[in-house]
Amino acid sequence: MKSTVATALIAACALFAGHAFAANAECEAKAVDKSGKALAGAAKASYMKKCEREIATTVCEPKAVDKNGKPLAGAAKASFMKKCTAEAK
């Protein structure tokens, strides 16, 4: 029983780590200016933060439901989104 739980926990961690890497790589690839040059410094930092937030929102928003399948609202949704966004990074 314990080995099954441990295996499931490891798989979940790998899934989140893989998603975080994919999100970061996707944002890195899109971090270019209008002329096609890679962003640097504060512009890149700002863009990366915005991009990662948008990816986390698109991933977390559909999951923000209660056990009955109803969408979360208010403090419950805010708490869930904060936790999910942190895990997605």
N, C-alpha and C. Protein backbone atom coordinates (compact mmCIF):
# COMPACT_ATOMS: atom_id res chain seq x y z
N MET A 1 0.83 -1.19 0.00
CA MET A 1 0.00 0.00 0.00
C MET A 1 0.87 1.25 0.00
N LYS A 2 1.89 1.27 0.86
CA LYS A 2 2.75 2.45 0.94
C LYS A 2 3.51 2.66 -0.36
N SER A 3 3.92 1.58 -1.01
CA SER A 3 4.67 1.73 -2.26
C SER A 3 3.77 2.27 -3.37
N THR A 4 2.51 1.92 -3.35
CA THR A 4 1.56 2.44 -4.34
C THR A 4 1.38 3.95 -4.14
N VAL A 5 1.24 4.36 -2.91
CA VAL A 5 1.08 5.79 -2.60
C VAL A 5 2.35 6.54 -2.98
N ALA A 6 3.49 5.98 -2.67
CA ALA A 6 4.76 6.62 -3.01
C ALA A 6 4.92 6.74 -4.52
N THR A 7 4.55 5.69 -5.25
CA THR A 7 4.64 5.72 -6.70
C THR A 7 3.72 6.79 -7.27
N ALA A 8 2.51 6.89 -6.75
CA ALA A 8 1.56 7.90 -7.21
C ALA A 8 2.08 9.31 -6.92
N LEU A 9 2.68 9.48 -5.75
CA LEU A 9 3.22 10.79 -5.39
C LEU A 9 4.37 11.18 -6.31
N ILE A 10 5.23 10.25 -6.60
CA ILE A 10 6.36 10.51 -7.51
C ILE A 10 5.85 10.86 -8.91
N ALA A 11 4.84 10.14 -9.36
CA ALA A 11 4.27 10.41 -10.68
C ALA A 11 3.65 11.80 -10.73
N ALA A 12 2.95 12.19 -9.68
CA ALA A 12 2.33 13.51 -9.63
C ALA A 12 3.39 14.61 -9.64
N CYS A 13 4.46 14.40 -8.88
CA CYS A 13 5.55 15.40 -8.86
C CYS A 13 6.20 15.52 -10.23
N ALA A 14 6.41 14.40 -10.88
CA ALA A 14 7.01 14.42 -12.21
C ALA A 14 6.11 15.14 -13.20
N LEU A 15 4.81 14.93 -13.07
CA LEU A 15 3.85 15.60 -13.95
C LEU A 15 3.92 17.11 -13.78
N PHE A 16 3.92 17.60 -12.54
CA PHE A 16 3.99 19.04 -12.30
C PHE A 16 5.33 19.60 -12.74
N ALA A 17 6.42 18.88 -12.50
CA ALA A 17 7.74 19.35 -12.91
C ALA A 17 7.81 19.42 -14.43
N GLY A 18 7.26 18.43 -15.10
CA GLY A 18 7.25 18.42 -16.56
C GLY A 18 6.45 19.58 -17.11
N HIS A 19 5.31 19.86 -16.48
CA HIS A 19 4.47 20.97 -16.93
C HIS A 19 5.19 22.29 -16.72
N ALA A 20 5.83 22.45 -15.57
CA ALA A 20 6.54 23.69 -15.28
C ALA A 20 7.66 23.91 -16.28
N PHE A 21 8.37 22.87 -16.62
CA PHE A 21 9.45 22.98 -17.60
C PHE A 21 8.88 23.35 -18.96
N ALA A 22 7.77 22.71 -19.33
CA ALA A 22 7.16 23.00 -20.63
C ALA A 22 6.66 24.43 -20.69
N ALA A 23 6.05 24.90 -19.60
CA ALA A 23 5.56 26.27 -19.57
C ALA A 23 6.72 27.25 -19.68
N ASN A 24 7.80 27.00 -18.97
CA ASN A 24 8.96 27.89 -19.02
C ASN A 24 9.57 27.88 -20.41
N ALA A 25 9.72 26.72 -21.01
CA ALA A 25 10.29 26.62 -22.36
C ALA A 25 9.40 27.31 -23.38
N GLU A 26 8.10 27.17 -23.23
CA GLU A 26 7.16 27.81 -24.15
C GLU A 26 7.26 29.33 -24.04
N CYS A 27 7.36 29.83 -22.82
CA CYS A 27 7.49 31.27 -22.63
C CYS A 27 8.83 31.78 -23.14
N GLU A 28 9.89 31.02 -22.92
CA GLU A 28 11.22 31.41 -23.42
C GLU A 28 11.19 31.55 -24.94
N ALA A 29 10.53 30.61 -25.61
CA ALA A 29 10.48 30.63 -27.07
C ALA A 29 9.71 31.83 -27.60
N LYS A 30 8.73 32.29 -26.85
CA LYS A 30 7.89 33.42 -27.30
C LYS A 30 8.45 34.78 -26.88
N ALA A 31 9.52 34.81 -26.09
CA ALA A 31 10.05 36.07 -25.55
C ALA A 31 10.92 36.78 -26.59
N VAL A 32 10.27 37.32 -27.61
CA VAL A 32 10.96 38.06 -28.66
C VAL A 32 10.25 39.38 -28.90
N ASP A 33 11.00 40.37 -29.40
CA ASP A 33 10.38 41.65 -29.70
C ASP A 33 9.80 41.65 -31.11
N LYS A 34 9.31 42.79 -31.56
CA LYS A 34 8.66 42.88 -32.87
C LYS A 34 9.59 42.55 -34.03
N SER A 35 10.87 42.82 -33.85
CA SER A 35 11.82 42.54 -34.93
C SER A 35 12.36 41.12 -34.88
N GLY A 36 11.93 40.34 -33.91
CA GLY A 36 12.34 38.94 -33.82
C GLY A 36 13.55 38.69 -32.94
N LYS A 37 14.08 39.72 -32.30
CA LYS A 37 15.22 39.57 -31.40
C LYS A 37 14.74 39.13 -30.03
N ALA A 38 15.56 38.32 -29.35
CA ALA A 38 15.21 37.84 -28.02
C ALA A 38 15.17 39.00 -27.03
N LEU A 39 14.16 38.98 -26.15
CA LEU A 39 14.07 40.00 -25.12
C LEU A 39 15.16 39.78 -24.07
N ALA A 40 15.53 40.84 -23.37
CA ALA A 40 16.54 40.73 -22.32
C ALA A 40 16.18 41.67 -21.18
N GLY A 41 16.75 41.42 -20.04
CA GLY A 41 16.58 42.29 -18.87
C GLY A 41 15.17 42.36 -18.35
N ALA A 42 14.76 43.59 -18.01
CA ALA A 42 13.44 43.81 -17.41
C ALA A 42 12.31 43.45 -18.36
N ALA A 43 12.49 43.68 -19.65
CA ALA A 43 11.44 43.34 -20.62
C ALA A 43 11.21 41.84 -20.64
N LYS A 44 12.28 41.06 -20.59
CA LYS A 44 12.14 39.61 -20.59
C LYS A 44 11.52 39.13 -19.29
N ALA A 45 11.96 39.69 -18.16
CA ALA A 45 11.41 39.29 -16.87
C ALA A 45 9.91 39.56 -16.80
N SER A 46 9.51 40.74 -17.27
CA SER A 46 8.10 41.10 -17.27
C SER A 46 7.30 40.17 -18.18
N TYR A 47 7.82 39.91 -19.36
CA TYR A 47 7.13 39.04 -20.29
C TYR A 47 7.01 37.62 -19.74
N MET A 48 8.08 37.10 -19.14
CA MET A 48 8.07 35.74 -18.59
C MET A 48 7.03 35.62 -17.48
N LYS A 49 6.97 36.62 -16.61
CA LYS A 49 6.00 36.60 -15.51
C LYS A 49 4.58 36.57 -16.06
N LYS A 50 4.31 37.43 -17.04
CA LYS A 50 2.97 37.49 -17.64
C LYS A 50 2.64 36.18 -18.35
N CYS A 51 3.57 35.64 -19.11
CA CYS A 51 3.35 34.41 -19.87
C CYS A 51 3.08 33.23 -18.94
N GLU A 52 3.89 33.09 -17.89
CA GLU A 52 3.71 31.99 -16.96
C GLU A 52 2.39 32.11 -16.22
N ARG A 53 1.98 33.34 -15.90
CA ARG A 53 0.69 33.56 -15.23
C ARG A 53 -0.46 33.15 -16.14
N GLU A 54 -0.36 33.50 -17.43
CA GLU A 54 -1.41 33.13 -18.38
C GLU A 54 -1.50 31.62 -18.56
N ILE A 55 -0.36 30.95 -18.64
CA ILE A 55 -0.35 29.50 -18.79
C ILE A 55 -0.95 28.84 -17.55
N ALA A 56 -0.56 29.32 -16.38
CA ALA A 56 -1.10 28.76 -15.14
C ALA A 56 -2.61 28.96 -15.07
N THR A 57 -3.09 30.11 -15.52
CA THR A 57 -4.53 30.38 -15.51
C THR A 57 -5.27 29.43 -16.45
N THR A 58 -4.73 29.21 -17.64
CA THR A 58 -5.40 28.32 -18.57
C THR A 58 -5.38 26.88 -18.09
N VAL A 59 -4.39 26.53 -17.30
CA VAL A 59 -4.30 25.17 -16.76
C VAL A 59 -5.17 25.04 -15.52
N CYS A 60 -5.14 26.04 -14.63
CA CYS A 60 -5.82 25.95 -13.34
C CYS A 60 -7.31 26.28 -13.40
N GLU A 61 -7.69 27.20 -14.24
CA GLU A 61 -9.09 27.64 -14.29
C GLU A 61 -10.07 26.49 -14.51
N PRO A 62 -9.83 25.58 -15.47
CA PRO A 62 -10.78 24.47 -15.66
C PRO A 62 -10.83 23.50 -14.48
N LYS A 63 -9.79 23.46 -13.67
CA LYS A 63 -9.74 22.54 -12.54
C LYS A 63 -10.40 23.11 -11.29
N ALA A 64 -10.79 24.38 -11.29
CA ALA A 64 -11.34 25.05 -10.12
C ALA A 64 -12.81 24.71 -9.93
N VAL A 65 -13.07 23.46 -9.59
CA VAL A 65 -14.43 22.98 -9.34
C VAL A 65 -14.47 22.24 -8.01
N ASP A 66 -15.65 22.21 -7.39
CA ASP A 66 -15.78 21.47 -6.14
C ASP A 66 -16.05 20.00 -6.42
N LYS A 67 -16.28 19.23 -5.36
CA LYS A 67 -16.47 17.78 -5.53
C LYS A 67 -17.75 17.43 -6.28
N ASN A 68 -18.68 18.38 -6.37
CA ASN A 68 -19.92 18.16 -7.10
C ASN A 68 -19.86 18.65 -8.54
N GLY A 69 -18.71 19.20 -8.93
CA GLY A 69 -18.53 19.67 -10.29
C GLY A 69 -18.92 21.12 -10.53
N LYS A 70 -19.31 21.82 -9.47
CA LYS A 70 -19.69 23.22 -9.60
C LYS A 70 -18.42 24.09 -9.54
N PRO A 71 -18.37 25.16 -10.31
CA PRO A 71 -17.21 26.05 -10.28
C PRO A 71 -17.03 26.69 -8.90
N LEU A 72 -15.78 26.80 -8.45
CA LEU A 72 -15.49 27.46 -7.19
C LEU A 72 -15.68 28.96 -7.35
N ALA A 73 -15.95 29.64 -6.24
CA ALA A 73 -16.12 31.08 -6.26
C ALA A 73 -15.53 31.67 -4.98
N GLY A 74 -15.26 32.96 -5.01
CA GLY A 74 -14.81 33.68 -3.83
C GLY A 74 -13.47 33.22 -3.30
N ALA A 75 -13.40 33.10 -1.97
CA ALA A 75 -12.16 32.75 -1.30
C ALA A 75 -11.68 31.35 -1.67
N ALA A 76 -12.61 30.43 -1.86
CA ALA A 76 -12.23 29.07 -2.23
C ALA A 76 -11.53 29.05 -3.58
N LYS A 77 -12.04 29.81 -4.53
CA LYS A 77 -11.42 29.87 -5.85
C LYS A 77 -10.06 30.56 -5.77
N ALA A 78 -9.99 31.65 -5.02
CA ALA A 78 -8.73 32.38 -4.88
C ALA A 78 -7.66 31.49 -4.27
N SER A 79 -8.03 30.75 -3.25
CA SER A 79 -7.08 29.84 -2.60
C SER A 79 -6.64 28.74 -3.54
N PHE A 80 -7.59 28.15 -4.26
CA PHE A 80 -7.25 27.09 -5.20
C PHE A 80 -6.34 27.60 -6.30
N MET A 81 -6.66 28.77 -6.85
CA MET A 81 -5.86 29.33 -7.94
C MET A 81 -4.44 29.65 -7.48
N LYS A 82 -4.31 30.16 -6.26
CA LYS A 82 -2.98 30.47 -5.72
C LYS A 82 -2.14 29.20 -5.59
N LYS A 83 -2.76 28.15 -5.05
CA LYS A 83 -2.05 26.89 -4.87
C LYS A 83 -1.71 26.26 -6.23
N CYS A 84 -2.66 26.22 -7.12
CA CYS A 84 -2.45 25.61 -8.43
C CYS A 84 -1.39 26.36 -9.24
N THR A 85 -1.42 27.69 -9.18
CA THR A 85 -0.44 28.49 -9.90
C THR A 85 0.96 28.25 -9.36
N ALA A 86 1.08 28.15 -8.04
CA ALA A 86 2.38 27.89 -7.44
C ALA A 86 2.90 26.51 -7.86
N GLU A 87 2.02 25.55 -7.93
CA GLU A 87 2.43 24.19 -8.34
C GLU A 87 2.77 24.14 -9.82
N ALA A 88 2.10 24.95 -10.62
CA ALA A 88 2.35 24.95 -12.06
C ALA A 88 3.70 25.56 -12.40
N LYS A 89 4.20 26.43 -11.54
CA LYS A 89 5.51 27.04 -11.79
C LYS A 89 6.58 26.04 -11.48
